[in-house]
């Protein structure tokens, strides 16, 4: 994976090249808190296209990963059980 800075420096001037970038977990959390991303928006394929003022001119595609969701739910449940 490369940084946005490197993309801007080395690749953004090339017309024959395009790229896909990924948001960090923290960035996704912020979008969810701003209600840009809502789980109810995901269709049967678990994909949704969203727009955000934080990413002007960019097309954001979010994908819900059910395996990661299950893993996090199990981890959360274990932590809750330890606090009882």
N, C-alpha and C. Protein backbone atom coordinates (compact mmCIF):
# COMPACT_ATOMS: atom_id res chain seq x y z
N UNK A 1 0.84 -1.16 0.00
CA UNK A 1 0.00 0.00 0.00
C UNK A 1 0.90 1.24 0.00
N UNK A 2 0.48 2.28 -0.70
CA UNK A 2 1.25 3.52 -0.73
C UNK A 2 0.42 4.65 -0.15
N UNK A 3 1.09 5.70 0.26
CA UNK A 3 0.42 6.82 0.91
C UNK A 3 -0.17 7.78 -0.12
N UNK A 4 -1.11 8.60 0.35
CA UNK A 4 -1.70 9.63 -0.51
C UNK A 4 -0.63 10.61 -0.98
N UNK A 5 0.32 10.91 -0.12
CA UNK A 5 1.41 11.83 -0.48
C UNK A 5 2.19 11.29 -1.67
N UNK A 6 2.50 10.01 -1.63
CA UNK A 6 3.26 9.41 -2.74
C UNK A 6 2.42 9.39 -4.02
N UNK A 7 1.13 9.11 -3.89
CA UNK A 7 0.25 9.16 -5.06
C UNK A 7 0.30 10.55 -5.67
N UNK A 8 0.16 11.57 -4.83
CA UNK A 8 0.17 12.95 -5.32
C UNK A 8 1.49 13.30 -5.99
N UNK A 9 2.59 12.85 -5.43
CA UNK A 9 3.92 13.19 -5.95
C UNK A 9 4.27 12.44 -7.22
N UNK A 10 3.94 11.16 -7.27
CA UNK A 10 4.46 10.32 -8.35
C UNK A 10 3.45 9.89 -9.40
N UNK A 11 2.19 9.82 -9.04
CA UNK A 11 1.23 9.21 -9.96
C UNK A 11 0.13 10.13 -10.46
N UNK A 12 -0.18 11.19 -9.73
CA UNK A 12 -1.36 12.00 -10.07
C UNK A 12 -1.23 12.72 -11.41
N UNK A 13 -0.01 12.91 -11.91
CA UNK A 13 0.16 13.60 -13.19
C UNK A 13 0.10 12.65 -14.38
N UNK A 14 0.06 11.37 -14.14
CA UNK A 14 0.02 10.39 -15.24
C UNK A 14 -1.41 10.17 -15.68
N UNK A 15 -1.69 10.44 -16.94
CA UNK A 15 -3.04 10.28 -17.46
C UNK A 15 -3.37 8.82 -17.76
N UNK A 16 -2.36 7.98 -17.93
CA UNK A 16 -2.58 6.58 -18.28
C UNK A 16 -2.69 5.68 -17.05
N UNK A 17 -2.74 6.28 -15.87
CA UNK A 17 -2.73 5.50 -14.65
C UNK A 17 -3.83 5.97 -13.71
N UNK A 18 -4.54 5.04 -13.14
CA UNK A 18 -5.54 5.35 -12.13
C UNK A 18 -5.31 4.40 -10.97
N UNK A 19 -5.99 4.61 -9.87
CA UNK A 19 -5.73 3.79 -8.69
C UNK A 19 -6.97 3.69 -7.83
N UNK A 20 -6.93 2.72 -6.95
CA UNK A 20 -7.96 2.53 -5.94
C UNK A 20 -7.29 2.72 -4.60
N UNK A 21 -7.91 3.50 -3.74
CA UNK A 21 -7.36 3.70 -2.40
C UNK A 21 -8.31 3.10 -1.38
N UNK A 22 -7.82 2.93 -0.18
CA UNK A 22 -8.64 2.36 0.90
C UNK A 22 -8.66 3.32 2.07
N UNK A 23 -9.78 3.35 2.76
CA UNK A 23 -9.89 4.14 3.98
C UNK A 23 -9.41 3.32 5.16
N UNK A 24 -8.86 3.98 6.13
CA UNK A 24 -8.46 3.29 7.36
C UNK A 24 -9.70 3.03 8.21
N UNK A 25 -9.57 2.16 9.18
CA UNK A 25 -10.69 1.88 10.09
C UNK A 25 -11.15 3.16 10.78
N UNK A 26 -10.20 4.01 11.15
CA UNK A 26 -10.55 5.27 11.81
C UNK A 26 -11.36 6.18 10.88
N UNK A 27 -10.96 6.27 9.61
CA UNK A 27 -11.69 7.09 8.65
C UNK A 27 -13.10 6.55 8.44
N UNK A 28 -13.24 5.23 8.37
CA UNK A 28 -14.56 4.63 8.21
C UNK A 28 -15.43 4.92 9.42
N UNK A 29 -14.84 4.83 10.61
CA UNK A 29 -15.59 5.13 11.84
C UNK A 29 -16.10 6.56 11.82
N UNK A 30 -15.26 7.50 11.40
CA UNK A 30 -15.69 8.90 11.33
C UNK A 30 -16.83 9.09 10.34
N UNK A 31 -16.76 8.44 9.19
CA UNK A 31 -17.85 8.53 8.22
C UNK A 31 -19.14 7.94 8.78
N UNK A 32 -19.03 6.86 9.52
CA UNK A 32 -20.22 6.27 10.14
C UNK A 32 -20.80 7.20 11.20
N UNK A 33 -19.93 7.83 12.00
CA UNK A 33 -20.40 8.77 13.02
C UNK A 33 -21.07 9.98 12.40
N UNK A 34 -20.62 10.39 11.22
CA UNK A 34 -21.22 11.51 10.50
C UNK A 34 -22.47 11.06 9.73
N UNK A 35 -22.79 9.79 9.84
CA UNK A 35 -23.93 9.16 9.17
C UNK A 35 -23.83 9.24 7.65
N UNK A 36 -22.59 9.28 7.14
CA UNK A 36 -22.36 9.17 5.71
C UNK A 36 -22.53 7.71 5.30
N UNK A 37 -22.08 6.81 6.17
CA UNK A 37 -22.22 5.37 5.95
C UNK A 37 -23.19 4.83 6.99
N UNK A 38 -24.20 4.12 6.52
CA UNK A 38 -25.16 3.47 7.40
C UNK A 38 -25.31 2.02 6.93
N UNK A 39 -25.29 1.09 7.86
CA UNK A 39 -25.39 -0.32 7.46
C UNK A 39 -26.65 -0.58 6.66
N UNK A 40 -27.71 0.16 6.90
CA UNK A 40 -28.96 -0.03 6.16
C UNK A 40 -28.84 0.30 4.69
N UNK A 41 -27.78 1.00 4.29
CA UNK A 41 -27.60 1.36 2.88
C UNK A 41 -27.01 0.23 2.05
N UNK A 42 -26.44 -0.76 2.70
CA UNK A 42 -25.81 -1.84 1.96
C UNK A 42 -26.86 -2.72 1.30
N UNK A 43 -26.64 -3.04 0.03
CA UNK A 43 -27.57 -3.92 -0.67
C UNK A 43 -27.19 -5.38 -0.44
N UNK A 44 -27.78 -6.27 -1.21
CA UNK A 44 -27.51 -7.71 -1.02
C UNK A 44 -26.04 -8.05 -1.24
N UNK A 45 -25.33 -7.24 -1.97
CA UNK A 45 -23.92 -7.52 -2.23
C UNK A 45 -23.02 -6.85 -1.19
N UNK A 46 -23.62 -6.21 -0.20
CA UNK A 46 -22.86 -5.54 0.86
C UNK A 46 -21.98 -4.41 0.34
N UNK A 47 -22.41 -3.75 -0.75
CA UNK A 47 -21.67 -2.62 -1.30
C UNK A 47 -22.54 -1.38 -1.29
N UNK A 48 -21.90 -0.23 -1.08
CA UNK A 48 -22.62 1.03 -1.14
C UNK A 48 -21.66 2.10 -1.66
N UNK A 49 -22.17 3.02 -2.45
CA UNK A 49 -21.39 4.16 -2.91
C UNK A 49 -21.82 5.37 -2.10
N UNK A 50 -20.86 6.11 -1.55
CA UNK A 50 -21.18 7.28 -0.72
C UNK A 50 -20.32 8.46 -1.15
N UNK A 51 -20.78 9.66 -0.78
CA UNK A 51 -20.02 10.88 -1.01
C UNK A 51 -19.80 11.55 0.33
N UNK A 52 -18.68 12.23 0.47
CA UNK A 52 -18.37 12.94 1.71
C UNK A 52 -17.62 14.22 1.38
N UNK A 53 -17.93 15.29 2.12
CA UNK A 53 -17.21 16.55 1.93
C UNK A 53 -15.74 16.40 2.31
N UNK A 54 -15.42 15.38 3.10
CA UNK A 54 -14.03 15.13 3.49
C UNK A 54 -13.20 14.60 2.32
N UNK A 55 -13.86 14.08 1.28
CA UNK A 55 -13.17 13.50 0.13
C UNK A 55 -13.78 14.07 -1.15
N UNK A 56 -13.60 15.37 -1.41
CA UNK A 56 -14.23 16.00 -2.57
C UNK A 56 -13.73 15.41 -3.88
N UNK A 57 -14.67 15.17 -4.77
CA UNK A 57 -14.32 14.65 -6.09
C UNK A 57 -13.92 13.20 -6.12
N UNK A 58 -14.04 12.50 -4.99
CA UNK A 58 -13.67 11.09 -4.96
C UNK A 58 -14.92 10.22 -4.86
N UNK A 59 -14.89 9.10 -5.51
CA UNK A 59 -15.98 8.12 -5.45
C UNK A 59 -15.62 7.11 -4.37
N UNK A 60 -16.43 7.05 -3.32
CA UNK A 60 -16.16 6.14 -2.21
C UNK A 60 -17.07 4.92 -2.32
N UNK A 61 -16.50 3.76 -2.31
CA UNK A 61 -17.24 2.51 -2.31
C UNK A 61 -16.91 1.79 -1.02
N UNK A 62 -17.93 1.48 -0.25
CA UNK A 62 -17.72 0.77 1.01
C UNK A 62 -18.26 -0.65 0.86
N UNK A 63 -17.57 -1.57 1.48
CA UNK A 63 -17.96 -2.98 1.44
C UNK A 63 -18.01 -3.50 2.86
N UNK A 64 -19.13 -4.06 3.25
CA UNK A 64 -19.26 -4.65 4.58
C UNK A 64 -18.72 -6.07 4.51
N UNK A 65 -17.81 -6.39 5.42
CA UNK A 65 -17.20 -7.71 5.46
C UNK A 65 -17.84 -8.51 6.59
N UNK A 66 -18.72 -9.47 6.28
CA UNK A 66 -19.41 -10.21 7.34
C UNK A 66 -18.47 -11.05 8.20
N UNK A 67 -17.36 -11.49 7.66
CA UNK A 67 -16.40 -12.27 8.45
C UNK A 67 -15.76 -11.39 9.52
N UNK A 68 -15.34 -10.20 9.12
CA UNK A 68 -14.78 -9.25 10.09
C UNK A 68 -15.84 -8.85 11.11
N UNK A 69 -17.07 -8.63 10.66
CA UNK A 69 -18.15 -8.25 11.58
C UNK A 69 -18.38 -9.34 12.62
N UNK A 70 -18.39 -10.60 12.19
CA UNK A 70 -18.58 -11.72 13.13
C UNK A 70 -17.42 -11.80 14.12
N UNK A 71 -16.21 -11.64 13.61
CA UNK A 71 -15.03 -11.69 14.48
C UNK A 71 -15.07 -10.60 15.54
N UNK A 72 -15.44 -9.40 15.13
CA UNK A 72 -15.52 -8.28 16.08
C UNK A 72 -16.65 -8.49 17.09
N UNK A 73 -17.76 -9.07 16.64
CA UNK A 73 -18.87 -9.34 17.55
C UNK A 73 -18.46 -10.36 18.61
N UNK A 74 -17.73 -11.40 18.20
CA UNK A 74 -17.26 -12.40 19.16
C UNK A 74 -16.28 -11.79 20.15
N UNK A 75 -15.37 -10.95 19.65
CA UNK A 75 -14.41 -10.29 20.53
C UNK A 75 -15.13 -9.39 21.53
N UNK A 76 -16.12 -8.64 21.05
CA UNK A 76 -16.89 -7.76 21.91
C UNK A 76 -17.63 -8.56 22.99
N UNK A 77 -18.21 -9.69 22.59
CA UNK A 77 -18.93 -10.55 23.54
C UNK A 77 -17.99 -11.09 24.62
N UNK A 78 -16.80 -11.52 24.22
CA UNK A 78 -15.82 -12.02 25.19
C UNK A 78 -15.42 -10.93 26.18
N UNK A 79 -15.22 -9.71 25.68
CA UNK A 79 -14.87 -8.61 26.57
C UNK A 79 -16.01 -8.29 27.53
N UNK A 80 -17.24 -8.34 27.04
CA UNK A 80 -18.40 -8.08 27.91
C UNK A 80 -18.52 -9.15 28.99
N UNK A 81 -18.26 -10.40 28.63
CA UNK A 81 -18.33 -11.49 29.61
C UNK A 81 -17.28 -11.32 30.70
N UNK A 82 -16.12 -10.79 30.34
CA UNK A 82 -15.06 -10.58 31.33
C UNK A 82 -15.42 -9.47 32.32
N UNK A 83 -16.29 -8.57 31.92
CA UNK A 83 -16.65 -7.46 32.81
C UNK A 83 -17.81 -7.80 33.73
N UNK A 84 -18.44 -8.94 33.53
CA UNK A 84 -19.59 -9.32 34.37
C UNK A 84 -19.15 -9.86 35.70
